[in-house]
Amino acid sequence: MSEEAQSRKPKGLPDLLRERTGVEVNRCYQCGKCSAGCPLADVMDYTPSRVLRMLQLGLNGYEDSILRSFSIWVCLDCETCYARCPQEVDIPKMMDFLRSESMRRKKVNPKGRDLLKFHQTLLDSVRYTGRLYEVGLIAGYKARTLNIFQDLMLAPRLFFLGKLKLFPHFVKNRTNLARIYKKAGATERQEAVR
């Protein structure tokens, strides 16, 4: 294949991953230490080592399978896999990239949608108050997922135990926080354009 034909060939997930994060999937030699140490491997549809192998092989339909998988959404980014990897493949960074690519291509796993809504609600809460506001987080999450009655009976108990405050506590300098969010938003938009 000529160089010109190769340059026109659309880039696959491994190429995009390498370009945007520096993670090289071909460094992995499938020792399995990442999957053995992952605290959530038993609830994943594809373990971290399997996701890496799928990216390495590049078989037909692998991109869609990975981007629609539950594994990328349930990953905690705890970095146990990264700490155990003898090749230092940054799997948490890879999972972050795969989540953003899954959202960009509108291929979010149905079970991952509630997790995504929780993450968005949490970030909105921190953006508004500068710290976590539990009542706002719960209300926002319930409104986004429509799981209004789930865990409903826990709220009064938590309130009477003093764990839930009705009004948020704001940080003093929210302007700096707004700048951080603005800068992060600009970075995300630049990544989405690539």
C-alpha atoms as a PDB file:
ATOM      1  CA  MET A   1       0.000   0.000   0.000  1.00  0.00           C
ATOM      2  CA  SER A   2       1.414   3.412  -0.923  1.00  0.00           C
ATOM      3  CA  GLU A   3       2.096   6.086   1.684  1.00  0.00           C
ATOM      4  CA  GLU A   4      -0.647   8.235   0.162  1.00  0.00           C
ATOM      5  CA  ALA A   5      -3.225   5.448   0.535  1.00  0.00           C
ATOM      6  CA  GLN A   6      -2.131   4.826   4.125  1.00  0.00           C
ATOM      7  CA  SER A   7      -2.477   8.517   5.000  1.00  0.00           C
ATOM      8  CA  ARG A   8      -6.090   8.504   3.690  1.00  0.00           C
ATOM      9  CA  LYS A   9      -6.974   5.357   5.628  1.00  0.00           C
ATOM     10  CA  PRO A  10      -9.197   6.287   8.600  1.00  0.00           C
ATOM     11  CA  LYS A  11      -7.463   5.998  11.946  1.00  0.00           C
ATOM     12  CA  GLY A  12      -8.530   3.223  14.243  1.00  0.00           C
ATOM     13  CA  LEU A  13      -8.935   3.397  18.012  1.00  0.00           C
ATOM     14  CA  PRO A  14      -5.314   2.327  18.760  1.00  0.00           C
ATOM     15  CA  ASP A  15      -3.972   5.144  16.551  1.00  0.00           C
ATOM     16  CA  LEU A  16      -6.291   7.734  18.094  1.00  0.00           C
ATOM     17  CA  LEU A  17      -5.432   6.448  21.572  1.00  0.00           C
ATOM     18  CA  ARG A  18      -1.699   6.800  20.891  1.00  0.00           C
ATOM     19  CA  GLU A  19      -2.096  10.274  19.394  1.00  0.00           C
ATOM     20  CA  ARG A  20      -4.298  11.716  22.130  1.00  0.00           C
ATOM     21  CA  THR A  21      -2.938  10.002  25.235  1.00  0.00           C
ATOM     22  CA  GLY A  22       0.436   8.500  24.408  1.00  0.00           C
ATOM     23  CA  VAL A  23      -0.785   5.040  25.453  1.00  0.00           C
ATOM     24  CA  GLU A  24       0.754   2.341  23.256  1.00  0.00           C
ATOM     25  CA  VAL A  25      -1.382  -0.830  23.366  1.00  0.00           C
ATOM     26  CA  ASN A  26       1.292  -2.930  21.662  1.00  0.00           C
ATOM     27  CA  ARG A  27       3.508  -2.635  24.754  1.00  0.00           C
ATOM     28  CA  CYS A  28       1.165  -5.079  26.516  1.00  0.00           C
ATOM     29  CA  TYR A  29       2.334  -8.707  26.340  1.00  0.00           C
ATOM     30  CA  GLN A  30      -0.814 -10.092  27.990  1.00  0.00           C
ATOM     31  CA  CYS A  31       0.584 -11.126  31.378  1.00  0.00           C
ATOM     32  CA  GLY A  32      -2.875 -10.549  32.878  1.00  0.00           C
ATOM     33  CA  LYS A  33      -1.698  -8.758  36.036  1.00  0.00           C
ATOM     34  CA  CYS A  34      -4.025  -5.834  35.324  1.00  0.00           C
ATOM     35  CA  SER A  35      -7.101  -8.032  35.206  1.00  0.00           C
ATOM     36  CA  ALA A  36      -5.993 -10.136  38.186  1.00  0.00           C
ATOM     37  CA  GLY A  37      -5.685  -7.008  40.346  1.00  0.00           C
ATOM     38  CA  CYS A  38      -8.750  -5.150  39.097  1.00  0.00           C
ATOM     39  CA  PRO A  39     -11.331  -4.904  41.904  1.00  0.00           C
ATOM     40  CA  LEU A  40     -14.181  -4.771  39.370  1.00  0.00           C
ATOM     41  CA  ALA A  41     -12.994  -7.355  36.823  1.00  0.00           C
ATOM     42  CA  ASP A  42     -15.787  -9.731  37.843  1.00  0.00           C
ATOM     43  CA  VAL A  43     -18.507  -7.237  36.813  1.00  0.00           C
ATOM     44  CA  MET A  44     -16.828  -6.170  33.564  1.00  0.00           C
ATOM     45  CA  ASP A  45     -17.891  -7.656  30.254  1.00  0.00           C
ATOM     46  CA  TYR A  46     -14.261  -7.322  29.054  1.00  0.00           C
ATOM     47  CA  THR A  47     -11.379  -7.318  31.530  1.00  0.00           C
ATOM     48  CA  PRO A  48      -8.642  -4.672  31.066  1.00  0.00           C
ATOM     49  CA  SER A  49      -6.276  -7.207  29.447  1.00  0.00           C
ATOM     50  CA  ARG A  50      -9.034  -8.282  27.059  1.00  0.00           C
ATOM     51  CA  VAL A  51      -9.746  -4.667  26.043  1.00  0.00           C
ATOM     52  CA  LEU A  52      -6.037  -4.259  25.328  1.00  0.00           C
ATOM     53  CA  ARG A  53      -5.989  -7.489  23.308  1.00  0.00           C
ATOM     54  CA  MET A  54      -9.006  -6.407  21.279  1.00  0.00           C
ATOM     55  CA  LEU A  55      -7.256  -3.120  20.502  1.00  0.00           C
ATOM     56  CA  GLN A  56      -4.071  -4.970  19.548  1.00  0.00           C
ATOM     57  CA  LEU A  57      -5.792  -7.406  17.184  1.00  0.00           C
ATOM     58  CA  GLY A  58      -8.141  -4.901  15.559  1.00  0.00           C
ATOM     59  CA  LEU A  59     -10.645  -7.523  14.396  1.00  0.00           C
ATOM     60  CA  ASN A  60     -13.846  -6.537  12.590  1.00  0.00           C
ATOM     61  CA  GLY A  61     -16.363  -4.934  14.927  1.00  0.00           C
ATOM     62  CA  TYR A  62     -13.913  -4.587  17.830  1.00  0.00           C
ATOM     63  CA  GLU A  63     -14.225  -0.807  18.045  1.00  0.00           C
ATOM     64  CA  ASP A  64     -17.969  -0.990  18.381  1.00  0.00           C
ATOM     65  CA  SER A  65     -17.724  -3.786  20.976  1.00  0.00           C
ATOM     66  CA  ILE A  66     -15.259  -1.836  23.087  1.00  0.00           C
ATOM     67  CA  LEU A  67     -17.088   1.499  22.871  1.00  0.00           C
ATOM     68  CA  ARG A  68     -20.420  -0.142  23.732  1.00  0.00           C
ATOM     69  CA  SER A  69     -18.954  -2.205  26.585  1.00  0.00           C
ATOM     70  CA  PHE A  70     -19.853  -1.768  30.245  1.00  0.00           C
ATOM     71  CA  SER A  71     -16.208  -2.225  31.249  1.00  0.00           C
ATOM     72  CA  ILE A  72     -15.119   1.265  30.263  1.00  0.00           C
ATOM     73  CA  TRP A  73     -17.865   2.777  32.422  1.00  0.00           C
ATOM     74  CA  VAL A  74     -17.414   0.631  35.522  1.00  0.00           C
ATOM     75  CA  CYS A  75     -13.626   1.203  35.670  1.00  0.00           C
ATOM     76  CA  LEU A  76     -12.814   3.105  38.869  1.00  0.00           C
ATOM     77  CA  ASP A  77      -9.550   4.626  37.605  1.00  0.00           C
ATOM     78  CA  CYS A  78      -8.024   3.283  40.840  1.00  0.00           C
ATOM     79  CA  GLU A  79      -4.743   2.659  38.960  1.00  0.00           C
ATOM     80  CA  THR A  80      -4.230  -0.814  40.424  1.00  0.00           C
ATOM     81  CA  CYS A  81      -3.787  -2.110  36.878  1.00  0.00           C
ATOM     82  CA  TYR A  82      -1.236   0.592  36.091  1.00  0.00           C
ATOM     83  CA  ALA A  83       0.729  -0.094  39.284  1.00  0.00           C
ATOM     84  CA  ARG A  84       0.838  -3.833  38.517  1.00  0.00           C
ATOM     85  CA  CYS A  85       1.701  -3.543  34.810  1.00  0.00           C
ATOM     86  CA  PRO A  86       5.353  -4.483  34.124  1.00  0.00           C
ATOM     87  CA  GLN A  87       5.162  -2.548  30.835  1.00  0.00           C
ATOM     88  CA  GLU A  88       3.574   0.531  32.463  1.00  0.00           C
ATOM     89  CA  VAL A  89       0.641   0.631  30.052  1.00  0.00           C
ATOM     90  CA  ASP A  90      -1.571   3.439  31.400  1.00  0.00           C
ATOM     91  CA  ILE A  91      -4.892   1.586  31.373  1.00  0.00           C
ATOM     92  CA  PRO A  92      -6.805   4.239  33.385  1.00  0.00           C
ATOM     93  CA  LYS A  93      -5.842   6.845  30.786  1.00  0.00           C
ATOM     94  CA  MET A  94      -6.931   4.408  28.065  1.00  0.00           C
ATOM     95  CA  MET A  95     -10.307   3.882  29.787  1.00  0.00           C
ATOM     96  CA  ASP A  96     -10.813   7.667  30.084  1.00  0.00           C
ATOM     97  CA  PHE A  97     -10.136   8.023  26.368  1.00  0.00           C
ATOM     98  CA  LEU A  98     -12.504   5.147  25.517  1.00  0.00           C
ATOM     99  CA  ARG A  99     -15.283   6.699  27.651  1.00  0.00           C
ATOM    100  CA  SER A 100     -14.925  10.070  25.932  1.00  0.00           C
ATOM    101  CA  GLU A 101     -14.791   8.412  22.507  1.00  0.00           C
ATOM    102  CA  SER A 102     -17.876   6.355  23.385  1.00  0.00           C
ATOM    103  CA  MET A 103     -19.759   9.551  24.286  1.00  0.00           C
ATOM    104  CA  ARG A 104     -18.498  11.368  21.196  1.00  0.00           C
ATOM    105  CA  ARG A 105     -19.677   8.535  18.920  1.00  0.00           C
ATOM    106  CA  LYS A 106     -22.933   8.132  20.892  1.00  0.00           C
ATOM    107  CA  LYS A 107     -22.242   4.490  21.775  1.00  0.00           C
ATOM    108  CA  VAL A 108     -22.631   4.614  25.561  1.00  0.00           C
ATOM    109  CA  ASN A 109     -23.595   1.268  27.094  1.00  0.00           C
ATOM    110  CA  PRO A 110     -27.170   1.352  28.487  1.00  0.00           C
ATOM    111  CA  LYS A 111     -25.922   0.270  31.937  1.00  0.00           C
ATOM    112  CA  GLY A 112     -23.245   2.959  31.749  1.00  0.00           C
ATOM    113  CA  ARG A 113     -25.720   5.772  31.128  1.00  0.00           C
ATOM    114  CA  ASP A 114     -26.666   6.045  34.807  1.00  0.00           C
ATOM    115  CA  LEU A 115     -22.968   6.146  35.755  1.00  0.00           C
ATOM    116  CA  LEU A 116     -22.411   8.903  33.214  1.00  0.00           C
ATOM    117  CA  LYS A 117     -25.379  10.840  34.598  1.00  0.00           C
ATOM    118  CA  PHE A 118     -23.962  10.451  38.110  1.00  0.00           C
ATOM    119  CA  HIS A 119     -20.556  11.787  36.975  1.00  0.00           C
ATOM    120  CA  GLN A 120     -22.173  14.740  35.214  1.00  0.00           C
ATOM    121  CA  THR A 121     -24.321  15.524  38.267  1.00  0.00           C
ATOM    122  CA  LEU A 122     -21.315  15.311  40.579  1.00  0.00           C
ATOM    123  CA  LEU A 123     -19.324  17.721  38.400  1.00  0.00           C
ATOM    124  CA  ASP A 124     -22.281  20.098  38.201  1.00  0.00           C
ATOM    125  CA  SER A 125     -22.556  20.069  42.000  1.00  0.00           C
ATOM    126  CA  VAL A 126     -18.870  20.876  42.411  1.00  0.00           C
ATOM    127  CA  ARG A 127     -19.040  23.537  39.690  1.00  0.00           C
ATOM    128  CA  TYR A 128     -21.947  25.252  41.471  1.00  0.00           C
ATOM    129  CA  THR A 129     -20.734  25.134  45.097  1.00  0.00           C
ATOM    130  CA  GLY A 130     -17.017  24.404  44.864  1.00  0.00           C
ATOM    131  CA  ARG A 131     -17.458  21.160  46.783  1.00  0.00           C
ATOM    132  CA  LEU A 132     -19.837  18.244  46.968  1.00  0.00           C
ATOM    133  CA  TYR A 133     -23.377  19.189  47.985  1.00  0.00           C
ATOM    134  CA  GLU A 134     -25.042  15.857  48.746  1.00  0.00           C
ATOM    135  CA  VAL A 135     -28.688  16.964  48.540  1.00  0.00           C
ATOM    136  CA  GLY A 136     -28.014  18.676  45.213  1.00  0.00           C
ATOM    137  CA  LEU A 137     -26.200  15.586  43.972  1.00  0.00           C
ATOM    138  CA  ILE A 138     -29.070  13.304  44.959  1.00  0.00           C
ATOM    139  CA  ALA A 139     -31.730  15.603  43.507  1.00  0.00           C
ATOM    140  CA  GLY A 140     -29.825  16.123  40.261  1.00  0.00           C
ATOM    141  CA  TYR A 141     -29.117  12.415  39.851  1.00  0.00           C
ATOM    142  CA  LYS A 142     -32.725  11.468  40.534  1.00  0.00           C
ATOM    143  CA  ALA A 143     -33.949  14.075  38.039  1.00  0.00           C
ATOM    144  CA  ARG A 144     -31.549  12.867  35.329  1.00  0.00           C
ATOM    145  CA  THR A 145     -32.198   9.143  35.780  1.00  0.00           C
ATOM    146  CA  LEU A 146     -35.856   9.298  36.842  1.00  0.00           C
ATOM    147  CA  ASN A 147     -35.031   6.757  39.583  1.00  0.00           C
ATOM    148  CA  ILE A 148     -36.959   8.931  42.014  1.00  0.00           C
ATOM    149  CA  PHE A 149     -38.041   6.225  44.460  1.00  0.00           C
ATOM    150  CA  GLN A 150     -34.738   4.333  44.562  1.00  0.00           C
ATOM    151  CA  ASP A 151     -33.221   4.644  48.077  1.00  0.00           C
ATOM    152  CA  LEU A 152     -35.986   7.071  49.042  1.00  0.00           C
ATOM    153  CA  MET A 153     -36.224   5.829  52.624  1.00  0.00           C
ATOM    154  CA  LEU A 154     -32.521   6.484  53.255  1.00  0.00           C
ATOM    155  CA  ALA A 155     -32.836  10.272  52.980  1.00  0.00           C
ATOM    156  CA  PRO A 156     -34.756  10.981  56.224  1.00  0.00           C
ATOM    157  CA  ARG A 157     -32.411   8.749  58.212  1.00  0.00           C
ATOM    158  CA  LEU A 158     -29.310  10.440  56.758  1.00  0.00           C
ATOM    159  CA  PHE A 159     -30.826  13.861  57.415  1.00  0.00           C
ATOM    160  CA  PHE A 160     -31.554  13.110  61.082  1.00  0.00           C
ATOM    161  CA  LEU A 161     -28.051  11.683  61.505  1.00  0.00           C
ATOM    162  CA  GLY A 162     -26.708  15.038  60.264  1.00  0.00           C
ATOM    163  CA  LYS A 163     -25.214  13.562  57.082  1.00  0.00           C
ATOM    164  CA  LEU A 164     -27.318  15.670  54.707  1.00  0.00           C
ATOM    165  CA  LYS A 165     -27.363  19.447  54.913  1.00  0.00           C
ATOM    166  CA  LEU A 166     -30.314  21.202  53.311  1.00  0.00           C
ATOM    167  CA  PHE A 167     -28.249  24.164  52.112  1.00  0.00           C
ATOM    168  CA  PRO A 168     -24.897  23.988  50.330  1.00  0.00           C
ATOM    169  CA  HIS A 169     -21.648  25.287  51.757  1.00  0.00           C
ATOM    170  CA  PHE A 170     -19.889  27.415  49.126  1.00  0.00           C
ATOM    171  CA  VAL A 171     -16.125  27.754  48.798  1.00  0.00           C
ATOM    172  CA  LYS A 172     -14.803  31.291  49.183  1.00  0.00           C
ATOM    173  CA  ASN A 173     -13.186  31.903  45.814  1.00  0.00           C
ATOM    174  CA  ARG A 174     -15.513  30.397  43.220  1.00  0.00           C
ATOM    175  CA  THR A 175     -14.006  32.569  40.466  1.00  0.00           C
ATOM    176  CA  ASN A 176     -10.871  30.413  40.414  1.00  0.00           C
ATOM    177  CA  LEU A 177     -13.053  27.341  40.218  1.00  0.00           C
ATOM    178  CA  ALA A 178     -14.959  28.844  37.277  1.00  0.00           C
ATOM    179  CA  ARG A 179     -11.629  29.423  35.521  1.00  0.00           C
ATOM    180  CA  ILE A 180     -10.632  25.792  36.036  1.00  0.00           C
ATOM    181  CA  TYR A 181     -13.933  24.579  34.591  1.00  0.00           C
ATOM    182  CA  LYS A 182     -13.653  26.992  31.697  1.00  0.00           C
ATOM    183  CA  LYS A 183     -10.130  25.814  30.902  1.00  0.00           C
ATOM    184  CA  ALA A 184     -11.147  22.140  31.200  1.00  0.00           C
ATOM    185  CA  GLY A 185     -14.133  22.767  28.916  1.00  0.00           C
ATOM    186  CA  ALA A 186     -11.902  24.396  26.323  1.00  0.00           C
ATOM    187  CA  THR A 187      -9.541  21.424  26.481  1.00  0.00           C
ATOM    188  CA  GLU A 188     -12.424  18.963  26.045  1.00  0.00           C
ATOM    189  CA  ARG A 189     -13.705  20.892  23.034  1.00  0.00           C
ATOM    190  CA  GLN A 190     -10.219  20.862  21.470  1.00  0.00           C
ATOM    191  CA  GLU A 191     -10.004  17.085  22.024  1.00  0.00           C
ATOM    192  CA  ALA A 192     -13.445  16.609  20.440  1.00  0.00           C
ATOM    193  CA  VAL A 193     -12.348  18.542  17.331  1.00  0.00           C
ATOM    194  CA  ARG A 194      -9.338  16.272  16.743  1.00  0.00           C
END
